[in-house]
Amino acid sequence: MSTPQVSADCLKQLAAYDTPTVCNVIELFDVRPRNAGFMNETIRACFPKLPPMVGFAVTTTFRSAAPPRSGSVYAGLRQQIEAFGELPGPAVVVFQDLDEPTCAATFGEVMCTTYQSFGAAGLITSGAGRDLEQVEDIGFPAFTNGTICSHGYCHMLQMNVPVTVGGIVVEPGDLLHGDCNGVSTIPVEIASEIPDACQELMDAEKIILDYVKSGSITADGFSEAREASQSAIDKLGIRLRGK
């Protein structure tokens, strides 16, 4: 697994912004279609009040509807943990649950505590989770399609392979950003430029927000504020695209 370097300082700065703002900035670079690169409504934050999660994908396929041919419930944990060390930053463990429908929970307190202890930033699964109170208590971000009380015959199949979660393909090593609004990938080639651009975008949006909160507003004034805001955003986009 080979992933371009993104500095620890950049990751920290990315975590200071919400995922919608990050998505808006990615759009300005025009490096991918506007309807690509983010997970759909099936993937939701278990703990919406936690701050944004930023990290690199360690991917795994998963089943729980029938016993594994060999190994235990936690077979594969060591391989995942060893993969953390190959990343340029904290891991985000990403599971594709292959059972249809989802049979049982992908994770619980033990798995999440283990991942966190080895430096993981969070977990995403197309399946379900459990032990949510305990996982929230340790402050470990988790994103799922629901909650199921049992782990069934949970076992891992393939690791560090492309997986499909929330309607998108996640490759091993992909940079992910997630919060209460959802999860997006971040193209690593533009990652270092995103934090400063996020602040500039927020400053541009603040032109409208300040006007509509001013207490003295008119339709003409609103139009002027919108034009000023959009002009600032357009200039930002031109600079980011290098045109």
C-alpha atoms as a PDB file:
ATOM      1  CA  MET A   1       0.000   0.000   0.000  1.00  0.00           C
ATOM      2  CA  SER A   2       1.611   3.277  -1.118  1.00  0.00           C
ATOM      3  CA  THR A   3       0.081   6.640  -0.251  1.00  0.00           C
ATOM      4  CA  PRO A   4       1.537  10.105  -0.990  1.00  0.00           C
ATOM      5  CA  GLN A   5       2.703  11.932   2.099  1.00  0.00           C
ATOM      6  CA  VAL A   6       0.410  14.362   3.875  1.00  0.00           C
ATOM      7  CA  SER A   7       1.949  16.109   6.864  1.00  0.00           C
ATOM      8  CA  ALA A   8       0.677  15.694  10.405  1.00  0.00           C
ATOM      9  CA  ASP A   9       0.146  19.455  10.542  1.00  0.00           C
ATOM     10  CA  CYS A  10      -2.031  19.313   7.414  1.00  0.00           C
ATOM     11  CA  LEU A  11      -4.141  16.530   8.914  1.00  0.00           C
ATOM     12  CA  LYS A  12      -4.598  18.579  12.086  1.00  0.00           C
ATOM     13  CA  GLN A  13      -5.670  21.591  10.054  1.00  0.00           C
ATOM     14  CA  LEU A  14      -8.112  19.514   7.995  1.00  0.00           C
ATOM     15  CA  ALA A  15      -9.721  18.309  11.225  1.00  0.00           C
ATOM     16  CA  ALA A  16     -10.488  21.928  12.137  1.00  0.00           C
ATOM     17  CA  TYR A  17     -13.100  22.194   9.365  1.00  0.00           C
ATOM     18  CA  ASP A  18     -16.423  20.461   8.870  1.00  0.00           C
ATOM     19  CA  THR A  19     -16.859  17.987   6.039  1.00  0.00           C
ATOM     20  CA  PRO A  20     -19.295  20.123   3.975  1.00  0.00           C
ATOM     21  CA  THR A  21     -16.758  22.959   3.880  1.00  0.00           C
ATOM     22  CA  VAL A  22     -14.052  20.519   2.789  1.00  0.00           C
ATOM     23  CA  CYS A  23     -16.377  19.204   0.060  1.00  0.00           C
ATOM     24  CA  ASN A  24     -17.120  22.739  -1.141  1.00  0.00           C
ATOM     25  CA  VAL A  25     -13.410  23.459  -1.463  1.00  0.00           C
ATOM     26  CA  ILE A  26     -12.746  20.203  -3.324  1.00  0.00           C
ATOM     27  CA  GLU A  27     -15.382  21.294  -5.841  1.00  0.00           C
ATOM     28  CA  LEU A  28     -13.442  24.509  -6.498  1.00  0.00           C
ATOM     29  CA  PHE A  29     -10.378  22.521  -7.603  1.00  0.00           C
ATOM     30  CA  ASP A  30     -12.505  20.820 -10.281  1.00  0.00           C
ATOM     31  CA  VAL A  31     -10.523  17.570  -9.946  1.00  0.00           C
ATOM     32  CA  ARG A  32     -13.596  15.306  -9.917  1.00  0.00           C
ATOM     33  CA  PRO A  33     -17.330  15.454 -10.691  1.00  0.00           C
ATOM     34  CA  ARG A  34     -19.412  17.195  -8.037  1.00  0.00           C
ATOM     35  CA  ASN A  35     -21.494  14.047  -7.491  1.00  0.00           C
ATOM     36  CA  ALA A  36     -18.476  11.825  -6.792  1.00  0.00           C
ATOM     37  CA  GLY A  37     -16.137  11.100  -3.897  1.00  0.00           C
ATOM     38  CA  PHE A  38     -18.528  11.269  -0.936  1.00  0.00           C
ATOM     39  CA  MET A  39     -20.623   8.613   0.788  1.00  0.00           C
ATOM     40  CA  ASN A  40     -24.391   8.603   0.464  1.00  0.00           C
ATOM     41  CA  GLU A  41     -27.097   8.811   3.127  1.00  0.00           C
ATOM     42  CA  THR A  42     -26.735   5.148   4.125  1.00  0.00           C
ATOM     43  CA  ILE A  43     -23.579   6.008   6.091  1.00  0.00           C
ATOM     44  CA  ARG A  44     -24.309   8.070   9.183  1.00  0.00           C
ATOM     45  CA  ALA A  45     -22.281   9.235  12.163  1.00  0.00           C
ATOM     46  CA  CYS A  46     -23.004   7.244  15.312  1.00  0.00           C
ATOM     47  CA  PHE A  47     -21.758  10.137  17.436  1.00  0.00           C
ATOM     48  CA  PRO A  48     -22.641  13.403  15.689  1.00  0.00           C
ATOM     49  CA  LYS A  49     -21.163  15.619  18.415  1.00  0.00           C
ATOM     50  CA  LEU A  50     -17.619  14.301  17.986  1.00  0.00           C
ATOM     51  CA  PRO A  51     -15.187  16.530  16.047  1.00  0.00           C
ATOM     52  CA  PRO A  52     -14.252  15.708  12.444  1.00  0.00           C
ATOM     53  CA  MET A  53     -12.398  12.454  11.754  1.00  0.00           C
ATOM     54  CA  VAL A  54      -9.412  12.550   9.390  1.00  0.00           C
ATOM     55  CA  GLY A  55      -7.280   9.576   8.411  1.00  0.00           C
ATOM     56  CA  PHE A  56      -6.219   7.025   5.822  1.00  0.00           C
ATOM     57  CA  ALA A  57      -8.263   3.978   4.863  1.00  0.00           C
ATOM     58  CA  VAL A  58      -7.379   0.450   5.935  1.00  0.00           C
ATOM     59  CA  THR A  59      -9.993  -1.546   4.059  1.00  0.00           C
ATOM     60  CA  THR A  60     -11.541  -4.920   4.892  1.00  0.00           C
ATOM     61  CA  THR A  61     -14.420  -7.065   3.657  1.00  0.00           C
ATOM     62  CA  PHE A  62     -16.630  -8.620   6.319  1.00  0.00           C
ATOM     63  CA  ARG A  63     -19.364 -11.177   6.919  1.00  0.00           C
ATOM     64  CA  SER A  64     -21.376 -12.250   9.957  1.00  0.00           C
ATOM     65  CA  ALA A  65     -24.256 -14.389   8.631  1.00  0.00           C
ATOM     66  CA  ALA A  66     -22.336 -17.704   8.736  1.00  0.00           C
ATOM     67  CA  PRO A  67     -19.272 -19.022  10.576  1.00  0.00           C
ATOM     68  CA  PRO A  68     -15.838 -18.526   9.000  1.00  0.00           C
ATOM     69  CA  ARG A  69     -14.168 -21.583   7.553  1.00  0.00           C
ATOM     70  CA  SER A  70     -11.332 -21.099  10.033  1.00  0.00           C
ATOM     71  CA  GLY A  71     -10.140 -18.618  12.633  1.00  0.00           C
ATOM     72  CA  SER A  72     -11.959 -16.717  15.365  1.00  0.00           C
ATOM     73  CA  VAL A  73     -14.236 -13.712  15.621  1.00  0.00           C
ATOM     74  CA  TYR A  74     -11.191 -11.447  15.925  1.00  0.00           C
ATOM     75  CA  ALA A  75      -9.069 -13.156  13.259  1.00  0.00           C
ATOM     76  CA  GLY A  76      -7.630 -10.417  11.052  1.00  0.00           C
ATOM     77  CA  LEU A  77      -7.247  -7.760  13.750  1.00  0.00           C
ATOM     78  CA  ARG A  78      -3.480  -8.220  13.835  1.00  0.00           C
ATOM     79  CA  GLN A  79      -3.182  -7.814  10.063  1.00  0.00           C
ATOM     80  CA  GLN A  80      -5.237  -4.619  10.219  1.00  0.00           C
ATOM     81  CA  ILE A  81      -3.137  -3.205  13.050  1.00  0.00           C
ATOM     82  CA  GLU A  82       0.091  -4.022  11.233  1.00  0.00           C
ATOM     83  CA  ALA A  83      -1.245  -2.135   8.198  1.00  0.00           C
ATOM     84  CA  PHE A  84      -1.610   1.018  10.330  1.00  0.00           C
ATOM     85  CA  GLY A  85       2.171   1.376  10.323  1.00  0.00           C
ATOM     86  CA  GLU A  86       2.291   1.576   6.522  1.00  0.00           C
ATOM     87  CA  LEU A  87       0.200   4.758   6.463  1.00  0.00           C
ATOM     88  CA  PRO A  88       1.447   8.370   6.511  1.00  0.00           C
ATOM     89  CA  GLY A  89      -0.992   9.203   9.310  1.00  0.00           C
ATOM     90  CA  PRO A  90      -3.760   7.746  11.499  1.00  0.00           C
ATOM     91  CA  ALA A  91      -5.857   4.909  10.114  1.00  0.00           C
ATOM     92  CA  VAL A  92      -9.575   4.893   9.454  1.00  0.00           C
ATOM     93  CA  VAL A  93     -10.764   1.282   9.414  1.00  0.00           C
ATOM     94  CA  VAL A  94     -13.247   0.816   6.564  1.00  0.00           C
ATOM     95  CA  PHE A  95     -15.421  -2.290   6.326  1.00  0.00           C
ATOM     96  CA  GLN A  96     -17.604  -3.456   3.473  1.00  0.00           C
ATOM     97  CA  ASP A  97     -20.236  -5.797   4.917  1.00  0.00           C
ATOM     98  CA  LEU A  98     -20.885  -8.363   2.181  1.00  0.00           C
ATOM     99  CA  ASP A  99     -24.028  -9.839   3.761  1.00  0.00           C
ATOM    100  CA  GLU A 100     -27.287  -8.738   2.194  1.00  0.00           C
ATOM    101  CA  PRO A 101     -29.118  -7.828   4.299  1.00  0.00           C
ATOM    102  CA  THR A 102     -26.739  -6.960   7.121  1.00  0.00           C
ATOM    103  CA  CYS A 103     -26.906  -9.737   9.699  1.00  0.00           C
ATOM    104  CA  ALA A 104     -24.979  -8.478  12.733  1.00  0.00           C
ATOM    105  CA  ALA A 105     -22.682  -5.764  14.055  1.00  0.00           C
ATOM    106  CA  THR A 106     -19.282  -5.190  12.498  1.00  0.00           C
ATOM    107  CA  PHE A 107     -17.762  -3.719  15.647  1.00  0.00           C
ATOM    108  CA  GLY A 108     -18.161  -3.257  19.372  1.00  0.00           C
ATOM    109  CA  GLU A 109     -16.282  -1.887  22.362  1.00  0.00           C
ATOM    110  CA  VAL A 110     -13.331  -4.291  22.221  1.00  0.00           C
ATOM    111  CA  MET A 111     -12.535  -3.718  18.544  1.00  0.00           C
ATOM    112  CA  CYS A 112     -12.863   0.059  18.718  1.00  0.00           C
ATOM    113  CA  THR A 113     -10.783   0.304  21.898  1.00  0.00           C
ATOM    114  CA  THR A 114      -8.111  -1.827  20.231  1.00  0.00           C
ATOM    115  CA  TYR A 115      -8.087   0.300  17.081  1.00  0.00           C
ATOM    116  CA  GLN A 116      -7.931   3.518  19.065  1.00  0.00           C
ATOM    117  CA  SER A 117      -5.096   2.200  21.244  1.00  0.00           C
ATOM    118  CA  PHE A 118      -3.054   1.552  18.104  1.00  0.00           C
ATOM    119  CA  GLY A 119      -3.685   5.083  16.830  1.00  0.00           C
ATOM    120  CA  ALA A 120      -6.723   4.761  14.561  1.00  0.00           C
ATOM    121  CA  ALA A 121      -8.805   7.894  14.031  1.00  0.00           C
ATOM    122  CA  GLY A 122     -12.152   6.144  13.458  1.00  0.00           C
ATOM    123  CA  LEU A 123     -14.154   3.419  11.742  1.00  0.00           C
ATOM    124  CA  ILE A 124     -16.629   3.234   8.869  1.00  0.00           C
ATOM    125  CA  THR A 125     -18.779   0.237   7.971  1.00  0.00           C
ATOM    126  CA  SER A 126     -21.469  -0.366   5.394  1.00  0.00           C
ATOM    127  CA  GLY A 127     -22.921  -2.685   8.042  1.00  0.00           C
ATOM    128  CA  ALA A 128     -23.953  -2.076  11.638  1.00  0.00           C
ATOM    129  CA  GLY A 129     -22.359  -1.338  15.001  1.00  0.00           C
ATOM    130  CA  ARG A 130     -23.048  -2.081  18.659  1.00  0.00           C
ATOM    131  CA  ASP A 131     -21.804  -1.109  22.161  1.00  0.00           C
ATOM    132  CA  LEU A 132     -22.475   2.458  21.099  1.00  0.00           C
ATOM    133  CA  GLU A 133     -22.482   3.933  24.604  1.00  0.00           C
ATOM    134  CA  GLN A 134     -19.098   2.409  25.372  1.00  0.00           C
ATOM    135  CA  VAL A 135     -17.598   3.452  22.033  1.00  0.00           C
ATOM    136  CA  GLU A 136     -18.892   6.998  22.461  1.00  0.00           C
ATOM    137  CA  ASP A 137     -17.367   7.106  25.948  1.00  0.00           C
ATOM    138  CA  ILE A 138     -13.887   6.559  24.501  1.00  0.00           C
ATOM    139  CA  GLY A 139     -14.496   9.264  21.873  1.00  0.00           C
ATOM    140  CA  PHE A 140     -13.967   7.020  18.863  1.00  0.00           C
ATOM    141  CA  PRO A 141     -15.766   8.207  15.708  1.00  0.00           C
ATOM    142  CA  ALA A 142     -17.834   5.510  14.005  1.00  0.00           C
ATOM    143  CA  PHE A 143     -20.023   5.621  10.907  1.00  0.00           C
ATOM    144  CA  THR A 144     -22.562   2.899  10.060  1.00  0.00           C
ATOM    145  CA  ASN A 145     -25.830   2.091   8.309  1.00  0.00           C
ATOM    146  CA  GLY A 146     -27.476   1.134  11.620  1.00  0.00           C
ATOM    147  CA  THR A 147     -27.231  -0.653  14.942  1.00  0.00           C
ATOM    148  CA  ILE A 148     -27.558  -4.375  15.735  1.00  0.00           C
ATOM    149  CA  CYS A 149     -27.094  -5.859  19.222  1.00  0.00           C
ATOM    150  CA  SER A 150     -25.183  -9.074  18.297  1.00  0.00           C
ATOM    151  CA  HIS A 151     -21.918  -9.749  16.466  1.00  0.00           C
ATOM    152  CA  GLY A 152     -23.251 -12.966  14.925  1.00  0.00           C
ATOM    153  CA  TYR A 153     -20.458 -14.909  13.220  1.00  0.00           C
ATOM    154  CA  CYS A 154     -18.438 -11.802  12.442  1.00  0.00           C
ATOM    155  CA  HIS A 155     -15.206 -12.391  10.552  1.00  0.00           C
ATOM    156  CA  MET A 156     -12.927 -10.596   8.131  1.00  0.00           C
ATOM    157  CA  LEU A 157     -12.194 -11.871   4.647  1.00  0.00           C
ATOM    158  CA  GLN A 158      -9.896  -9.724   2.480  1.00  0.00           C
ATOM    159  CA  MET A 159      -7.831  -6.778   3.648  1.00  0.00           C
ATOM    160  CA  ASN A 160      -6.404  -3.783   1.823  1.00  0.00           C
ATOM    161  CA  VAL A 161      -8.576  -4.319  -1.230  1.00  0.00           C
ATOM    162  CA  PRO A 162     -10.945  -1.812  -2.832  1.00  0.00           C
ATOM    163  CA  VAL A 163     -14.279  -1.785  -0.986  1.00  0.00           C
ATOM    164  CA  THR A 164     -17.649  -0.223  -1.760  1.00  0.00           C
ATOM    165  CA  VAL A 165     -19.161   1.723   1.132  1.00  0.00           C
ATOM    166  CA  GLY A 166     -21.875   4.352   0.956  1.00  0.00           C
ATOM    167  CA  GLY A 167     -22.049   4.190  -2.818  1.00  0.00           C
ATOM    168  CA  ILE A 168     -18.360   4.895  -3.494  1.00  0.00           C
ATOM    169  CA  VAL A 169     -15.247   2.785  -3.907  1.00  0.00           C
ATOM    170  CA  VAL A 170     -12.676   3.309  -1.155  1.00  0.00           C
ATOM    171  CA  GLU A 171      -9.128   2.304  -2.023  1.00  0.00           C
ATOM    172  CA  PRO A 172      -6.545   1.312   0.594  1.00  0.00           C
ATOM    173  CA  GLY A 173      -4.781   4.469   1.727  1.00  0.00           C
ATOM    174  CA  ASP A 174      -7.498   6.902   0.628  1.00  0.00           C
ATOM    175  CA  LEU A 175      -7.643  10.057   2.732  1.00  0.00           C
ATOM    176  CA  LEU A 176     -11.032  10.349   4.464  1.00  0.00           C
ATOM    177  CA  HIS A 177     -12.802  13.203   6.249  1.00  0.00           C
ATOM    178  CA  GLY A 178     -16.012  12.609   8.198  1.00  0.00           C
ATOM    179  CA  ASP A 179     -18.303  14.292  10.710  1.00  0.00           C
ATOM    180  CA  CYS A 180     -22.001  14.551  11.572  1.00  0.00           C
ATOM    181  CA  ASN A 181     -22.735  15.468   7.941  1.00  0.00           C
ATOM    182  CA  GLY A 182     -21.181  12.356   6.383  1.00  0.00           C
ATOM    183  CA  VAL A 183     -17.889  11.121   4.929  1.00  0.00           C
ATOM    184  CA  SER A 184     -15.850  12.316   1.953  1.00  0.00           C
ATOM    185  CA  THR A 185     -12.598  11.263   0.364  1.00  0.00           C
ATOM    186  CA  ILE A 186      -9.951  13.938  -0.164  1.00  0.00           C
ATOM    187  CA  PRO A 187      -7.661  13.756  -3.208  1.00  0.00           C
ATOM    188  CA  VAL A 188      -4.212  13.682  -1.613  1.00  0.00           C
ATOM    189  CA  GLU A 189      -2.677  15.798  -4.348  1.00  0.00           C
ATOM    190  CA  ILE A 190      -4.679  18.832  -3.165  1.00  0.00           C
ATOM    191  CA  ALA A 191      -4.882  18.015   0.562  1.00  0.00           C
ATOM    192  CA  SER A 192      -2.224  20.505   1.647  1.00  0.00           C
ATOM    193  CA  GLU A 193      -4.048  23.391  -0.041  1.00  0.00           C
ATOM    194  CA  ILE A 194      -7.471  22.656   1.424  1.00  0.00           C
ATOM    195  CA  PRO A 195      -7.198  24.113   4.971  1.00  0.00           C
ATOM    196  CA  ASP A 196      -6.266  27.641   3.875  1.00  0.00           C
ATOM    197  CA  ALA A 197      -8.902  27.472   1.143  1.00  0.00           C
ATOM    198  CA  CYS A 198     -11.508  26.402   3.692  1.00  0.00           C
ATOM    199  CA  GLN A 199     -10.867  29.554   5.699  1.00  0.00           C
ATOM    200  CA  GLU A 200     -11.075  31.721   2.597  1.00  0.00           C
ATOM    201  CA  LEU A 201     -14.325  30.075   1.575  1.00  0.00           C
ATOM    202  CA  MET A 202     -15.797  30.615   5.016  1.00  0.00           C
ATOM    203  CA  ASP A 203     -14.756  34.271   4.884  1.00  0.00           C
ATOM    204  CA  ALA A 204     -16.545  34.613   1.532  1.00  0.00           C
ATOM    205  CA  GLU A 205     -19.694  32.949   2.878  1.00  0.00           C
ATOM    206  CA  LYS A 206     -19.539  35.213   5.925  1.00  0.00           C
ATOM    207  CA  ILE A 207     -20.313  38.187   3.683  1.00  0.00           C
ATOM    208  CA  ILE A 208     -23.849  36.832   3.207  1.00  0.00           C
ATOM    209  CA  LEU A 209     -24.212  35.595   6.774  1.00  0.00           C
ATOM    210  CA  ASP A 210     -23.178  38.929   8.260  1.00  0.00           C
ATOM    211  CA  TYR A 211     -25.607  40.767   6.015  1.00  0.00           C
ATOM    212  CA  VAL A 212     -28.664  38.641   6.739  1.00  0.00           C
ATOM    213  CA  LYS A 213     -27.909  38.813  10.488  1.00  0.00           C
ATOM    214  CA  SER A 214     -27.399  42.576  10.433  1.00  0.00           C
ATOM    215  CA  GLY A 215     -30.997  43.375  11.318  1.00  0.00           C
ATOM    216  CA  SER A 216     -31.443  45.795   8.451  1.00  0.00           C
ATOM    217  CA  ILE A 217     -31.846  43.893   5.208  1.00  0.00           C
ATOM    218  CA  THR A 218     -33.421  44.435   1.820  1.00  0.00           C
ATOM    219  CA  ALA A 219     -33.695  42.334  -1.326  1.00  0.00           C
ATOM    220  CA  ASP A 220     -31.253  44.668  -3.100  1.00  0.00           C
ATOM    221  CA  GLY A 221     -28.806  44.493  -0.224  1.00  0.00           C
ATOM    222  CA  PHE A 222     -29.061  40.722  -0.151  1.00  0.00           C
ATOM    223  CA  SER A 223     -28.334  40.532  -3.880  1.00  0.00           C
ATOM    224  CA  GLU A 224     -25.273  42.735  -3.435  1.00  0.00           C
ATOM    225  CA  ALA A 225     -24.016  40.563  -0.586  1.00  0.00           C
ATOM    226  CA  ARG A 226     -24.530  37.427  -2.665  1.00  0.00           C
ATOM    227  CA  GLU A 227     -22.660  38.921  -5.596  1.00  0.00           C
ATOM    228  CA  ALA A 228     -19.756  39.955  -3.372  1.00  0.00           C
ATOM    229  CA  SER A 229     -19.628  36.526  -1.794  1.00  0.00           C
ATOM    230  CA  GLN A 230     -19.768  34.700  -5.135  1.00  0.00           C
ATOM    231  CA  SER A 231     -17.100  36.974  -6.594  1.00  0.00           C
ATOM    232  CA  ALA A 232     -14.749  36.050  -3.741  1.00  0.00           C
ATOM    233  CA  ILE A 233     -15.509  32.347  -4.206  1.00  0.00           C
ATOM    234  CA  ASP A 234     -14.958  32.576  -7.973  1.00  0.00           C
ATOM    235  CA  LYS A 235     -11.580  34.243  -7.459  1.00  0.00           C
ATOM    236  CA  LEU A 236     -10.615  31.536  -4.974  1.00  0.00           C
ATOM    237  CA  GLY A 237     -11.591  28.814  -7.433  1.00  0.00           C
ATOM    238  CA  ILE A 238      -9.581  30.385 -10.262  1.00  0.00           C
ATOM    239  CA  ARG A 239      -6.514  30.543  -8.048  1.00  0.00           C
ATOM    240  CA  LEU A 240      -6.905  26.963  -6.823  1.00  0.00           C
ATOM    241  CA  ARG A 241      -7.257  25.658 -10.358  1.00  0.00           C
ATOM    242  CA  GLY A 242      -4.205  27.644 -11.415  1.00  0.00           C
ATOM    243  CA  LYS A 243      -6.039  29.354 -14.274  1.00  0.00           C
END
